[in-house]
Amino acid sequence: MTPRITLKLLFGAILATMLAVTAWASLTQPVWQWGGLTRGPDRAWTIATLCDAYAGFLTFYAWVCYRERAAGRVLWFVLIMLLGNIAMSAYALRALARLGPDEPLERLLARPAR
């Protein structure tokens, strides 16, 4: 399977999942009725929010997977899934630190020279 097809499948699955969970949560409880921190957790929107967070983690991980070698991919997957935005920020800061002072910011998105 080509990387392009893999990405299309990944992002298609994320889109379908997010549309389904948002529709389910909306039908279960209108978002304007969500109680937030004022009363007990609202199950449907809590699940939708978690799905949204992990969809974002997977989206970010697609970039990490493109940039890293096999061992790094496994390590960063575990860190991102366990620590979320903490690991994502650490990865982005690490990538920025490795960027040469004269390199354009566009190089941040590309694979590093090996």
PDB file of N, CA and C in Angstrom:
ATOM      1  N   MET A   1       0.846  -1.167   0.000  1.00  0.00           N
ATOM      2  CA  MET A   1       0.000   0.000   0.000  1.00  0.00           C
ATOM      3  C   MET A   1       0.902   1.245   0.000  1.00  0.00           C
ATOM      4  N   THR A   2       0.591   2.198  -0.831  1.00  0.00           N
ATOM      5  CA  THR A   2       1.429   3.394  -0.934  1.00  0.00           C
ATOM      6  C   THR A   2       1.151   4.331   0.251  1.00  0.00           C
ATOM      7  N   PRO A   3       2.128   5.176   0.573  1.00  0.00           N
ATOM      8  CA  PRO A   3       1.902   6.139   1.662  1.00  0.00           C
ATOM      9  C   PRO A   3       0.698   7.052   1.405  1.00  0.00           C
ATOM     10  N   ARG A   4       0.483   7.429   0.161  1.00  0.00           N
ATOM     11  CA  ARG A   4      -0.650   8.295  -0.167  1.00  0.00           C
ATOM     12  C   ARG A   4      -1.980   7.607   0.150  1.00  0.00           C
ATOM     13  N   ILE A   5      -2.100   6.335  -0.220  1.00  0.00           N
ATOM     14  CA  ILE A   5      -3.327   5.583   0.065  1.00  0.00           C
ATOM     15  C   ILE A   5      -3.492   5.399   1.571  1.00  0.00           C
ATOM     16  N   THR A   6      -2.384   5.100   2.262  1.00  0.00           N
ATOM     17  CA  THR A   6      -2.430   4.944   3.716  1.00  0.00           C
ATOM     18  C   THR A   6      -2.950   6.216   4.378  1.00  0.00           C
ATOM     19  N   LEU A   7      -2.444   7.373   3.953  1.00  0.00           N
ATOM     20  CA  LEU A   7      -2.903   8.646   4.524  1.00  0.00           C
ATOM     21  C   LEU A   7      -4.365   8.925   4.189  1.00  0.00           C
ATOM     22  N   LYS A   8      -4.772   8.600   2.968  1.00  0.00           N
ATOM     23  CA  LYS A   8      -6.186   8.788   2.600  1.00  0.00           C
ATOM     24  C   LYS A   8      -7.086   7.917   3.475  1.00  0.00           C
ATOM     25  N   LEU A   9      -6.671   6.681   3.710  1.00  0.00           N
ATOM     26  CA  LEU A   9      -7.458   5.789   4.574  1.00  0.00           C
ATOM     27  C   LEU A   9      -7.479   6.295   6.011  1.00  0.00           C
ATOM     28  N   LEU A  10      -6.319   6.717   6.525  1.00  0.00           N
ATOM     29  CA  LEU A  10      -6.245   7.221   7.891  1.00  0.00           C
ATOM     30  C   LEU A  10      -7.152   8.428   8.075  1.00  0.00           C
ATOM     31  N   PHE A  11      -6.993   9.437   7.216  1.00  0.00           N
ATOM     32  CA  PHE A  11      -7.767  10.661   7.398  1.00  0.00           C
ATOM     33  C   PHE A  11      -9.238  10.467   7.033  1.00  0.00           C
ATOM     34  N   GLY A  12      -9.534   9.544   6.132  1.00  0.00           N
ATOM     35  CA  GLY A  12     -10.928   9.203   5.844  1.00  0.00           C
ATOM     36  C   GLY A  12     -11.589   8.534   7.046  1.00  0.00           C
ATOM     37  N   ALA A  13     -10.841   7.632   7.710  1.00  0.00           N
ATOM     38  CA  ALA A  13     -11.365   6.969   8.907  1.00  0.00           C
ATOM     39  C   ALA A  13     -11.555   7.962  10.050  1.00  0.00           C
ATOM     40  N   ILE A  14     -10.609   8.886  10.207  1.00  0.00           N
ATOM     41  CA  ILE A  14     -10.755   9.907  11.248  1.00  0.00           C
ATOM     42  C   ILE A  14     -11.978  10.772  10.970  1.00  0.00           C
ATOM     43  N   LEU A  15     -12.150  11.205   9.728  1.00  0.00           N
ATOM     44  CA  LEU A  15     -13.308  12.025   9.378  1.00  0.00           C
ATOM     45  C   LEU A  15     -14.615  11.277   9.631  1.00  0.00           C
ATOM     46  N   ALA A  16     -14.700  10.033   9.174  1.00  0.00           N
ATOM     47  CA  ALA A  16     -15.921   9.245   9.366  1.00  0.00           C
ATOM     48  C   ALA A  16     -16.203   9.021  10.851  1.00  0.00           C
ATOM     49  N   THR A  17     -15.181   8.709  11.625  1.00  0.00           N
ATOM     50  CA  THR A  17     -15.348   8.493  13.064  1.00  0.00           C
ATOM     51  C   THR A  17     -15.820   9.763  13.750  1.00  0.00           C
ATOM     52  N   MET A  18     -15.196  10.883  13.421  1.00  0.00           N
ATOM     53  CA  MET A  18     -15.566  12.144  14.070  1.00  0.00           C
ATOM     54  C   MET A  18     -16.974  12.582  13.676  1.00  0.00           C
ATOM     55  N   LEU A  19     -17.363  12.376  12.424  1.00  0.00           N
ATOM     56  CA  LEU A  19     -18.737  12.700  12.022  1.00  0.00           C
ATOM     57  C   LEU A  19     -19.738  11.819  12.759  1.00  0.00           C
ATOM     58  N   ALA A  20     -19.418  10.526  12.879  1.00  0.00           N
ATOM     59  CA  ALA A  20     -20.326   9.600  13.560  1.00  0.00           C
ATOM     60  C   ALA A  20     -20.441   9.910  15.048  1.00  0.00           C
ATOM     61  N   VAL A  21     -19.325  10.125  15.731  1.00  0.00           N
ATOM     62  CA  VAL A  21     -19.376  10.364  17.172  1.00  0.00           C
ATOM     63  C   VAL A  21     -20.013  11.725  17.473  1.00  0.00           C
ATOM     64  N   THR A  22     -19.786  12.717  16.624  1.00  0.00           N
ATOM     65  CA  THR A  22     -20.406  14.025  16.827  1.00  0.00           C
ATOM     66  C   THR A  22     -21.912  13.951  16.593  1.00  0.00           C
ATOM     67  N   ALA A  23     -22.317  13.225  15.560  1.00  0.00           N
ATOM     68  CA  ALA A  23     -23.757  13.042  15.317  1.00  0.00           C
ATOM     69  C   ALA A  23     -24.398  12.301  16.484  1.00  0.00           C
ATOM     70  N   TRP A  24     -23.751  11.247  16.966  1.00  0.00           N
ATOM     71  CA  TRP A  24     -24.290  10.483  18.100  1.00  0.00           C
ATOM     72  C   TRP A  24     -24.409  11.362  19.341  1.00  0.00           C
ATOM     73  N   ALA A  25     -23.354  12.104  19.644  1.00  0.00           N
ATOM     74  CA  ALA A  25     -23.377  12.970  20.825  1.00  0.00           C
ATOM     75  C   ALA A  25     -24.448  14.044  20.682  1.00  0.00           C
ATOM     76  N   SER A  26     -24.586  14.602  19.484  1.00  0.00           N
ATOM     77  CA  SER A  26     -25.603  15.641  19.252  1.00  0.00           C
ATOM     78  C   SER A  26     -27.013  15.094  19.410  1.00  0.00           C
ATOM     79  N   LEU A  27     -27.230  13.870  18.963  1.00  0.00           N
ATOM     80  CA  LEU A  27     -28.556  13.261  19.100  1.00  0.00           C
ATOM     81  C   LEU A  27     -28.834  12.841  20.543  1.00  0.00           C
ATOM     82  N   THR A  28     -27.784  12.525  21.285  1.00  0.00           N
ATOM     83  CA  THR A  28     -27.920  12.129  22.681  1.00  0.00           C
ATOM     84  C   THR A  28     -28.185  13.338  23.573  1.00  0.00           C
ATOM     85  N   GLN A  29     -27.468  14.421  23.312  1.00  0.00           N
ATOM     86  CA  GLN A  29     -27.589  15.632  24.136  1.00  0.00           C
ATOM     87  C   GLN A  29     -27.134  16.827  23.302  1.00  0.00           C
ATOM     88  N   PRO A  30     -27.979  17.829  23.133  1.00  0.00           N
ATOM     89  CA  PRO A  30     -27.521  19.023  22.419  1.00  0.00           C
ATOM     90  C   PRO A  30     -26.315  19.634  23.140  1.00  0.00           C
ATOM     91  N   VAL A  31     -25.368  20.123  22.363  1.00  0.00           N
ATOM     92  CA  VAL A  31     -24.136  20.634  22.945  1.00  0.00           C
ATOM     93  C   VAL A  31     -24.401  21.794  23.909  1.00  0.00           C
ATOM     94  N   TRP A  32     -25.431  22.584  23.666  1.00  0.00           N
ATOM     95  CA  TRP A  32     -25.731  23.710  24.558  1.00  0.00           C
ATOM     96  C   TRP A  32     -26.283  23.264  25.908  1.00  0.00           C
ATOM     97  N   GLN A  33     -26.596  21.970  26.048  1.00  0.00           N
ATOM     98  CA  GLN A  33     -27.044  21.445  27.341  1.00  0.00           C
ATOM     99  C   GLN A  33     -25.903  20.800  28.131  1.00  0.00           C
ATOM    100  N   TRP A  34     -24.719  20.797  27.576  1.00  0.00           N
ATOM    101  CA  TRP A  34     -23.588  20.206  28.267  1.00  0.00           C
ATOM    102  C   TRP A  34     -23.310  20.999  29.531  1.00  0.00           C
ATOM    103  N   GLY A  35     -23.151  20.305  30.634  1.00  0.00           N
ATOM    104  CA  GLY A  35     -22.986  20.964  31.918  1.00  0.00           C
ATOM    105  C   GLY A  35     -21.569  21.350  32.258  1.00  0.00           C
ATOM    106  N   GLY A  36     -20.621  20.827  31.515  1.00  0.00           N
ATOM    107  CA  GLY A  36     -19.225  21.163  31.793  1.00  0.00           C
ATOM    108  C   GLY A  36     -18.832  20.811  33.211  1.00  0.00           C
ATOM    109  N   LEU A  37     -18.234  21.755  33.901  1.00  0.00           N
ATOM    110  CA  LEU A  37     -17.758  21.518  35.261  1.00  0.00           C
ATOM    111  C   LEU A  37     -18.810  21.828  36.316  1.00  0.00           C
ATOM    112  N   THR A  38     -19.975  22.284  35.901  1.00  0.00           N
ATOM    113  CA  THR A  38     -20.999  22.664  36.880  1.00  0.00           C
ATOM    114  C   THR A  38     -21.776  21.477  37.425  1.00  0.00           C
ATOM    115  N   ARG A  39     -21.770  20.358  36.720  1.00  0.00           N
ATOM    116  CA  ARG A  39     -22.417  19.138  37.216  1.00  0.00           C
ATOM    117  C   ARG A  39     -21.664  17.932  36.685  1.00  0.00           C
ATOM    118  N   GLY A  40     -22.098  16.754  37.069  1.00  0.00           N
ATOM    119  CA  GLY A  40     -21.401  15.525  36.699  1.00  0.00           C
ATOM    120  C   GLY A  40     -21.091  15.454  35.219  1.00  0.00           C
ATOM    121  N   PRO A  41     -20.079  14.667  34.849  1.00  0.00           N
ATOM    122  CA  PRO A  41     -19.678  14.603  33.443  1.00  0.00           C
ATOM    123  C   PRO A  41     -20.820  14.144  32.546  1.00  0.00           C
ATOM    124  N   ASP A  42     -20.911  14.773  31.415  1.00  0.00           N
ATOM    125  CA  ASP A  42     -21.906  14.412  30.404  1.00  0.00           C
ATOM    126  C   ASP A  42     -21.271  13.396  29.468  1.00  0.00           C
ATOM    127  N   ARG A  43     -21.760  12.187  29.527  1.00  0.00           N
ATOM    128  CA  ARG A  43     -21.136  11.045  28.855  1.00  0.00           C
ATOM    129  C   ARG A  43     -20.932  11.241  27.355  1.00  0.00           C
ATOM    130  N   ALA A  44     -21.932  11.626  26.620  1.00  0.00           N
ATOM    131  CA  ALA A  44     -21.826  11.696  25.157  1.00  0.00           C
ATOM    132  C   ALA A  44     -20.758  12.694  24.720  1.00  0.00           C
ATOM    133  N   TRP A  45     -20.776  13.871  25.293  1.00  0.00           N
ATOM    134  CA  TRP A  45     -19.801  14.883  24.868  1.00  0.00           C
ATOM    135  C   TRP A  45     -18.419  14.615  25.442  1.00  0.00           C
ATOM    136  N   THR A  46     -18.349  13.894  26.549  1.00  0.00           N
ATOM    137  CA  THR A  46     -17.044  13.480  27.062  1.00  0.00           C
ATOM    138  C   THR A  46     -16.396  12.493  26.090  1.00  0.00           C
ATOM    139  N   ILE A  47     -17.169  11.537  25.608  1.00  0.00           N
ATOM    140  CA  ILE A  47     -16.671  10.565  24.629  1.00  0.00           C
ATOM    141  C   ILE A  47     -16.295  11.270  23.326  1.00  0.00           C
ATOM    142  N   ALA A  48     -17.136  12.185  22.868  1.00  0.00           N
ATOM    143  CA  ALA A  48     -16.850  12.921  21.633  1.00  0.00           C
ATOM    144  C   ALA A  48     -15.564  13.732  21.769  1.00  0.00           C
ATOM    145  N   THR A  49     -15.366  14.335  22.930  1.00  0.00           N
ATOM    146  CA  THR A  49     -14.166  15.138  23.151  1.00  0.00           C
ATOM    147  C   THR A  49     -12.915  14.256  23.171  1.00  0.00           C
ATOM    148  N   LEU A  50     -13.005  13.103  23.808  1.00  0.00           N
ATOM    149  CA  LEU A  50     -11.867  12.173  23.809  1.00  0.00           C
ATOM    150  C   LEU A  50     -11.558  11.679  22.395  1.00  0.00           C
ATOM    151  N   CYS A  51     -12.583  11.353  21.629  1.00  0.00           N
ATOM    152  CA  CYS A  51     -12.371  10.926  20.239  1.00  0.00           C
ATOM    153  C   CYS A  51     -11.697  12.037  19.444  1.00  0.00           C
ATOM    154  N   ASP A  52     -12.139  13.266  19.656  1.00  0.00           N
ATOM    155  CA  ASP A  52     -11.550  14.400  18.956  1.00  0.00           C
ATOM    156  C   ASP A  52     -10.076  14.574  19.333  1.00  0.00           C
ATOM    157  N   ALA A  53      -9.773  14.443  20.611  1.00  0.00           N
ATOM    158  CA  ALA A  53      -8.381  14.586  21.057  1.00  0.00           C
ATOM    159  C   ALA A  53      -7.508  13.513  20.424  1.00  0.00           C
ATOM    160  N   TYR A  54      -7.931  12.258  20.461  1.00  0.00           N
ATOM    161  CA  TYR A  54      -7.111  11.186  19.908  1.00  0.00           C
ATOM    162  C   TYR A  54      -7.035  11.248  18.388  1.00  0.00           C
ATOM    163  N   ALA A  55      -8.057  11.778  17.725  1.00  0.00           N
ATOM    164  CA  ALA A  55      -7.976  11.999  16.278  1.00  0.00           C
ATOM    165  C   ALA A  55      -6.883  13.028  15.986  1.00  0.00           C
ATOM    166  N   GLY A  56      -6.808  14.049  16.805  1.00  0.00           N
ATOM    167  CA  GLY A  56      -5.741  15.039  16.660  1.00  0.00           C
ATOM    168  C   GLY A  56      -4.369  14.437  16.918  1.00  0.00           C
ATOM    169  N   PHE A  57      -4.284  13.577  17.918  1.00  0.00           N
ATOM    170  CA  PHE A  57      -3.016  12.910  18.217  1.00  0.00           C
ATOM    171  C   PHE A  57      -2.564  12.071  17.018  1.00  0.00           C
ATOM    172  N   LEU A  58      -3.503  11.331  16.414  1.00  0.00           N
ATOM    173  CA  LEU A  58      -3.163  10.497  15.261  1.00  0.00           C
ATOM    174  C   LEU A  58      -2.759  11.347  14.060  1.00  0.00           C
ATOM    175  N   THR A  59      -3.435  12.474  13.878  1.00  0.00           N
ATOM    176  CA  THR A  59      -3.090  13.371  12.780  1.00  0.00           C
ATOM    177  C   THR A  59      -1.664  13.888  12.954  1.00  0.00           C
ATOM    178  N   PHE A  60      -1.327  14.327  14.151  1.00  0.00           N
ATOM    179  CA  PHE A  60       0.030  14.801  14.422  1.00  0.00           C
ATOM    180  C   PHE A  60       1.025  13.664  14.250  1.00  0.00           C
ATOM    181  N   TYR A  61       0.658  12.471  14.722  1.00  0.00           N
ATOM    182  CA  TYR A  61       1.556  11.321  14.620  1.00  0.00           C
ATOM    183  C   TYR A  61       1.869  10.978  13.165  1.00  0.00           C
ATOM    184  N   ALA A  62       0.949  11.235  12.243  1.00  0.00           N
ATOM    185  CA  ALA A  62       1.223  10.968  10.828  1.00  0.00           C
ATOM    186  C   ALA A  62       2.455  11.759  10.379  1.00  0.00           C
ATOM    187  N   TRP A  63       2.591  12.994  10.856  1.00  0.00           N
ATOM    188  CA  TRP A  63       3.773  13.802  10.543  1.00  0.00           C
ATOM    189  C   TRP A  63       5.013  13.208  11.213  1.00  0.00           C
ATOM    190  N   VAL A  64       4.878  12.810  12.473  1.00  0.00           N
ATOM    191  CA  VAL A  64       6.000  12.202  13.195  1.00  0.00           C
ATOM    192  C   VAL A  64       6.451  10.931  12.482  1.00  0.00           C
ATOM    193  N   CYS A  65       5.515  10.129  12.069  1.00  0.00           N
ATOM    194  CA  CYS A  65       5.822   8.862  11.396  1.00  0.00           C
ATOM    195  C   CYS A  65       6.574   9.123  10.088  1.00  0.00           C
ATOM    196  N   TYR A  66       6.204  10.167   9.394  1.00  0.00           N
ATOM    197  CA  TYR A  66       6.882  10.540   8.154  1.00  0.00           C
ATOM    198  C   TYR A  66       8.339  10.944   8.413  1.00  0.00           C
ATOM    199  N   ARG A  67       8.571  11.618   9.527  1.00  0.00           N
ATOM    200  CA  ARG A  67       9.899  12.161   9.821  1.00  0.00           C
ATOM    201  C   ARG A  67      10.836  11.174  10.516  1.00  0.00           C
ATOM    202  N   GLU A  68      10.304  10.224  11.258  1.00  0.00           N
ATOM    203  CA  GLU A  68      11.134   9.368  12.124  1.00  0.00           C
ATOM    204  C   GLU A  68      11.433   8.012  11.502  1.00  0.00           C
ATOM    205  N   ARG A  69      12.486   7.398  12.013  1.00  0.00           N
ATOM    206  CA  ARG A  69      12.809   6.013  11.654  1.00  0.00           C
ATOM    207  C   ARG A  69      11.964   5.075  12.514  1.00  0.00           C
ATOM    208  N   ALA A  70      12.056   3.783  12.263  1.00  0.00           N
ATOM    209  CA  ALA A  70      11.169   2.796  12.900  1.00  0.00           C
ATOM    210  C   ALA A  70      11.158   2.881  14.432  1.00  0.00           C
ATOM    211  N   ALA A  71      12.315   2.872  15.067  1.00  0.00           N
ATOM    212  CA  ALA A  71      12.354   2.895  16.539  1.00  0.00           C
ATOM    213  C   ALA A  71      11.756   4.191  17.079  1.00  0.00           C
ATOM    214  N   GLY A  72      12.080   5.301  16.455  1.00  0.00           N
ATOM    215  CA  GLY A  72      11.526   6.586  16.869  1.00  0.00           C
ATOM    216  C   GLY A  72      10.022   6.646  16.691  1.00  0.00           C
ATOM    217  N   ARG A  73       9.528   6.007  15.649  1.00  0.00           N
ATOM    218  CA  ARG A  73       8.081   5.977  15.405  1.00  0.00           C
ATOM    219  C   ARG A  73       7.348   5.308  16.558  1.00  0.00           C
ATOM    220  N   VAL A  74       7.879   4.189  17.009  1.00  0.00           N
ATOM    221  CA  VAL A  74       7.240   3.453  18.111  1.00  0.00           C
ATOM    222  C   VAL A  74       7.284   4.268  19.394  1.00  0.00           C
ATOM    223  N   LEU A  75       8.439   4.805  19.713  1.00  0.00           N
ATOM    224  CA  LEU A  75       8.583   5.601  20.927  1.00  0.00           C
ATOM    225  C   LEU A  75       7.651   6.803  20.923  1.00  0.00           C
ATOM    226  N   TRP A  76       7.643   7.552  19.831  1.00  0.00           N
ATOM    227  CA  TRP A  76       6.798   8.745  19.779  1.00  0.00           C
ATOM    228  C   TRP A  76       5.318   8.405  19.747  1.00  0.00           C
ATOM    229  N   PHE A  77       4.946   7.275  19.148  1.00  0.00           N
ATOM    230  CA  PHE A  77       3.538   6.867  19.181  1.00  0.00           C
ATOM    231  C   PHE A  77       3.081   6.664  20.622  1.00  0.00           C
ATOM    232  N   VAL A  78       3.877   5.923  21.381  1.00  0.00           N
ATOM    233  CA  VAL A  78       3.539   5.656  22.785  1.00  0.00           C
ATOM    234  C   VAL A  78       3.468   6.970  23.571  1.00  0.00           C
ATOM    235  N   LEU A  79       4.465   7.823  23.392  1.00  0.00           N
ATOM    236  CA  LEU A  79       4.477   9.093  24.127  1.00  0.00           C
ATOM    237  C   LEU A  79       3.284   9.972  23.767  1.00  0.00           C
ATOM    238  N   ILE A  80       2.968  10.065  22.480  1.00  0.00           N
ATOM    239  CA  ILE A  80       1.845  10.906  22.055  1.00  0.00           C
ATOM    240  C   ILE A  80       0.522  10.347  22.566  1.00  0.00           C
ATOM    241  N   MET A  81       0.342   9.042  22.499  1.00  0.00           N
ATOM    242  CA  MET A  81      -0.924   8.459  22.955  1.00  0.00           C
ATOM    243  C   MET A  81      -1.081   8.543  24.477  1.00  0.00           C
ATOM    244  N   LEU A  82       0.034   8.515  25.209  1.00  0.00           N
ATOM    245  CA  LEU A  82      -0.043   8.599  26.667  1.00  0.00           C
ATOM    246  C   LEU A  82      -0.051  10.036  27.190  1.00  0.00           C
ATOM    247  N   LEU A  83       0.733  10.899  26.558  1.00  0.00           N
ATOM    248  CA  LEU A  83       0.908  12.258  27.085  1.00  0.00           C
ATOM    249  C   LEU A  83       0.237  13.343  26.246  1.00  0.00           C
ATOM    250  N   GLY A  84      -0.241  12.996  25.074  1.00  0.00           N
ATOM    251  CA  GLY A  84      -0.966  13.948  24.237  1.00  0.00           C
ATOM    252  C   GLY A  84      -0.161  15.175  23.872  1.00  0.00           C
ATOM    253  N   ASN A  85      -0.733  16.338  24.141  1.00  0.00           N
ATOM    254  CA  ASN A  85      -0.120  17.603  23.732  1.00  0.00           C
ATOM    255  C   ASN A  85       1.214  17.879  24.412  1.00  0.00           C
ATOM    256  N   ILE A  86       1.475  17.265  25.545  1.00  0.00           N
ATOM    257  CA  ILE A  86       2.793  17.414  26.185  1.00  0.00           C
ATOM    258  C   ILE A  86       3.857  16.818  25.267  1.00  0.00           C
ATOM    259  N   ALA A  87       3.637  15.596  24.808  1.00  0.00           N
ATOM    260  CA  ALA A  87       4.596  14.938  23.913  1.00  0.00           C
ATOM    261  C   ALA A  87       4.638  15.638  22.562  1.00  0.00           C
ATOM    262  N   MET A  88       3.503  16.086  22.069  1.00  0.00           N
ATOM    263  CA  MET A  88       3.472  16.760  20.776  1.00  0.00           C
ATOM    264  C   MET A  88       4.278  18.061  20.814  1.00  0.00           C
ATOM    265  N   SER A  89       4.139  18.809  21.877  1.00  0.00           N
ATOM    266  CA  SER A  89       4.917  20.045  22.029  1.00  0.00           C
ATOM    267  C   SER A  89       6.399  19.743  22.143  1.00  0.00           C
ATOM    268  N   ALA A  90       6.737  18.703  22.905  1.00  0.00           N
ATOM    269  CA  ALA A  90       8.138  18.312  23.051  1.00  0.00           C
ATOM    270  C   ALA A  90       8.723  17.912  21.691  1.00  0.00           C
ATOM    271  N   TYR A  91       7.964  17.167  20.901  1.00  0.00           N
ATOM    272  CA  TYR A  91       8.446  16.756  19.583  1.00  0.00           C
ATOM    273  C   TYR A  91       8.664  17.970  18.688  1.00  0.00           C
ATOM    274  N   ALA A  92       7.709  18.889  18.674  1.00  0.00           N
ATOM    275  CA  ALA A  92       7.834  20.083  17.836  1.00  0.00           C
ATOM    276  C   ALA A  92       9.029  20.933  18.272  1.00  0.00           C
ATOM    277  N   LEU A  93       9.233  21.086  19.575  1.00  0.00           N
ATOM    278  CA  LEU A  93      10.385  21.843  20.066  1.00  0.00           C
ATOM    279  C   LEU A  93      11.695  21.156  19.691  1.00  0.00           C
ATOM    280  N   ARG A  94      11.720  19.833  19.776  1.00  0.00           N
ATOM    281  CA  ARG A  94      12.905  19.060  19.384  1.00  0.00           C
ATOM    282  C   ARG A  94      13.199  19.259  17.899  1.00  0.00           C
ATOM    283  N   ALA A  95      12.155  19.193  17.078  1.00  0.00           N
ATOM    284  CA  ALA A  95      12.335  19.379  15.636  1.00  0.00           C
ATOM    285  C   ALA A  95      12.819  20.803  15.333  1.00  0.00           C
ATOM    286  N   LEU A  96      12.281  21.793  16.036  1.00  0.00           N
ATOM    287  CA  LEU A  96      12.723  23.179  15.843  1.00  0.00           C
ATOM    288  C   LEU A  96      14.174  23.363  16.270  1.00  0.00           C
ATOM    289  N   ALA A  97      14.567  22.726  17.355  1.00  0.00           N
ATOM    290  CA  ALA A  97      15.945  22.837  17.844  1.00  0.00           C
ATOM    291  C   ALA A  97      16.931  22.216  16.862  1.00  0.00           C
ATOM    292  N   ARG A  98      16.512  21.197  16.160  1.00  0.00           N
ATOM    293  CA  ARG A  98      17.392  20.520  15.198  1.00  0.00           C
ATOM    294  C   ARG A  98      17.454  21.249  13.854  1.00  0.00           C
ATOM    295  N   LEU A  99      16.595  22.214  13.666  1.00  0.00           N
ATOM    296  CA  LEU A  99      16.581  22.995  12.446  1.00  0.00           C
ATOM    297  C   LEU A  99      17.734  23.991  12.484  1.00  0.00           C
ATOM    298  N   GLY A 100      18.537  24.000  11.454  1.00  0.00           N
ATOM    299  CA  GLY A 100      19.675  24.908  11.406  1.00  0.00           C
ATOM    300  C   GLY A 100      19.224  26.368  11.413  1.00  0.00           C
ATOM    301  N   PRO A 101      20.075  27.269  11.914  1.00  0.00           N
ATOM    302  CA  PRO A 101      19.693  28.676  12.023  1.00  0.00           C
ATOM    303  C   PRO A 101      19.409  29.331  10.676  1.00  0.00           C
ATOM    304  N   ASP A 102      20.019  28.839   9.611  1.00  0.00           N
ATOM    305  CA  ASP A 102      19.801  29.420   8.287  1.00  0.00           C
ATOM    306  C   ASP A 102      18.787  28.639   7.457  1.00  0.00           C
ATOM    307  N   GLU A 103      18.290  27.530   8.011  1.00  0.00           N
ATOM    308  CA  GLU A 103      17.315  26.728   7.264  1.00  0.00           C
ATOM    309  C   GLU A 103      15.947  27.396   7.311  1.00  0.00           C
ATOM    310  N   PRO A 104      15.226  27.355   6.197  1.00  0.00           N
ATOM    311  CA  PRO A 104      13.872  27.938   6.208  1.00  0.00           C
ATOM    312  C   PRO A 104      12.931  27.078   7.053  1.00  0.00           C
ATOM    313  N   LEU A 105      11.918  27.704   7.588  1.00  0.00           N
ATOM    314  CA  LEU A 105      10.959  27.015   8.447  1.00  0.00           C
ATOM    315  C   LEU A 105      10.242  25.880   7.704  1.00  0.00           C
ATOM    316  N   GLU A 106      10.152  25.970   6.400  1.00  0.00           N
ATOM    317  CA  GLU A 106       9.507  24.914   5.610  1.00  0.00           C
ATOM    318  C   GLU A 106      10.199  23.563   5.795  1.00  0.00           C
ATOM    319  N   ARG A 107      11.496  23.580   6.104  1.00  0.00           N
ATOM    320  CA  ARG A 107      12.237  22.336   6.331  1.00  0.00           C
ATOM    321  C   ARG A 107      11.714  21.584   7.563  1.00  0.00           C
ATOM    322  N   LEU A 108      11.032  22.281   8.419  1.00  0.00           N
ATOM    323  CA  LEU A 108      10.477  21.645   9.621  1.00  0.00           C
ATOM    324  C   LEU A 108       9.511  20.525   9.248  1.00  0.00           C
ATOM    325  N   LEU A 109       8.794  20.702   8.162  1.00  0.00           N
ATOM    326  CA  LEU A 109       7.807  19.704   7.749  1.00  0.00           C
ATOM    327  C   LEU A 109       8.409  18.525   7.002  1.00  0.00           C
ATOM    328  N   ALA A 110       9.611  18.690   6.493  1.00  0.00           N
ATOM    329  CA  ALA A 110      10.245  17.647   5.686  1.00  0.00           C
ATOM    330  C   ALA A 110      10.992  16.644   6.557  1.00  0.00           C
ATOM    331  N   ARG A 111      11.358  15.540   5.949  1.00  0.00           N
ATOM    332  CA  ARG A 111      12.207  14.568   6.644  1.00  0.00           C
ATOM    333  C   ARG A 111      13.582  15.172   6.879  1.00  0.00           C
ATOM    334  N   PRO A 112      14.131  14.950   8.041  1.00  0.00           N
ATOM    335  CA  PRO A 112      15.502  15.443   8.274  1.00  0.00           C
ATOM    336  C   PRO A 112      16.496  14.648   7.439  1.00  0.00           C
ATOM    337  N   ALA A 113      17.619  15.266   7.126  1.00  0.00           N
ATOM    338  CA  ALA A 113      18.683  14.564   6.380  1.00  0.00           C
ATOM    339  C   ALA A 113      19.208  13.429   7.253  1.00  0.00           C
ATOM    340  N   ARG A 114      19.416  12.307   6.665  1.00  0.00           N
ATOM    341  CA  ARG A 114      19.872  11.134   7.424  1.00  0.00           C
ATOM    342  C   ARG A 114      21.292  10.814   7.095  1.00  0.00           C
TER     343      ARG A 114
END
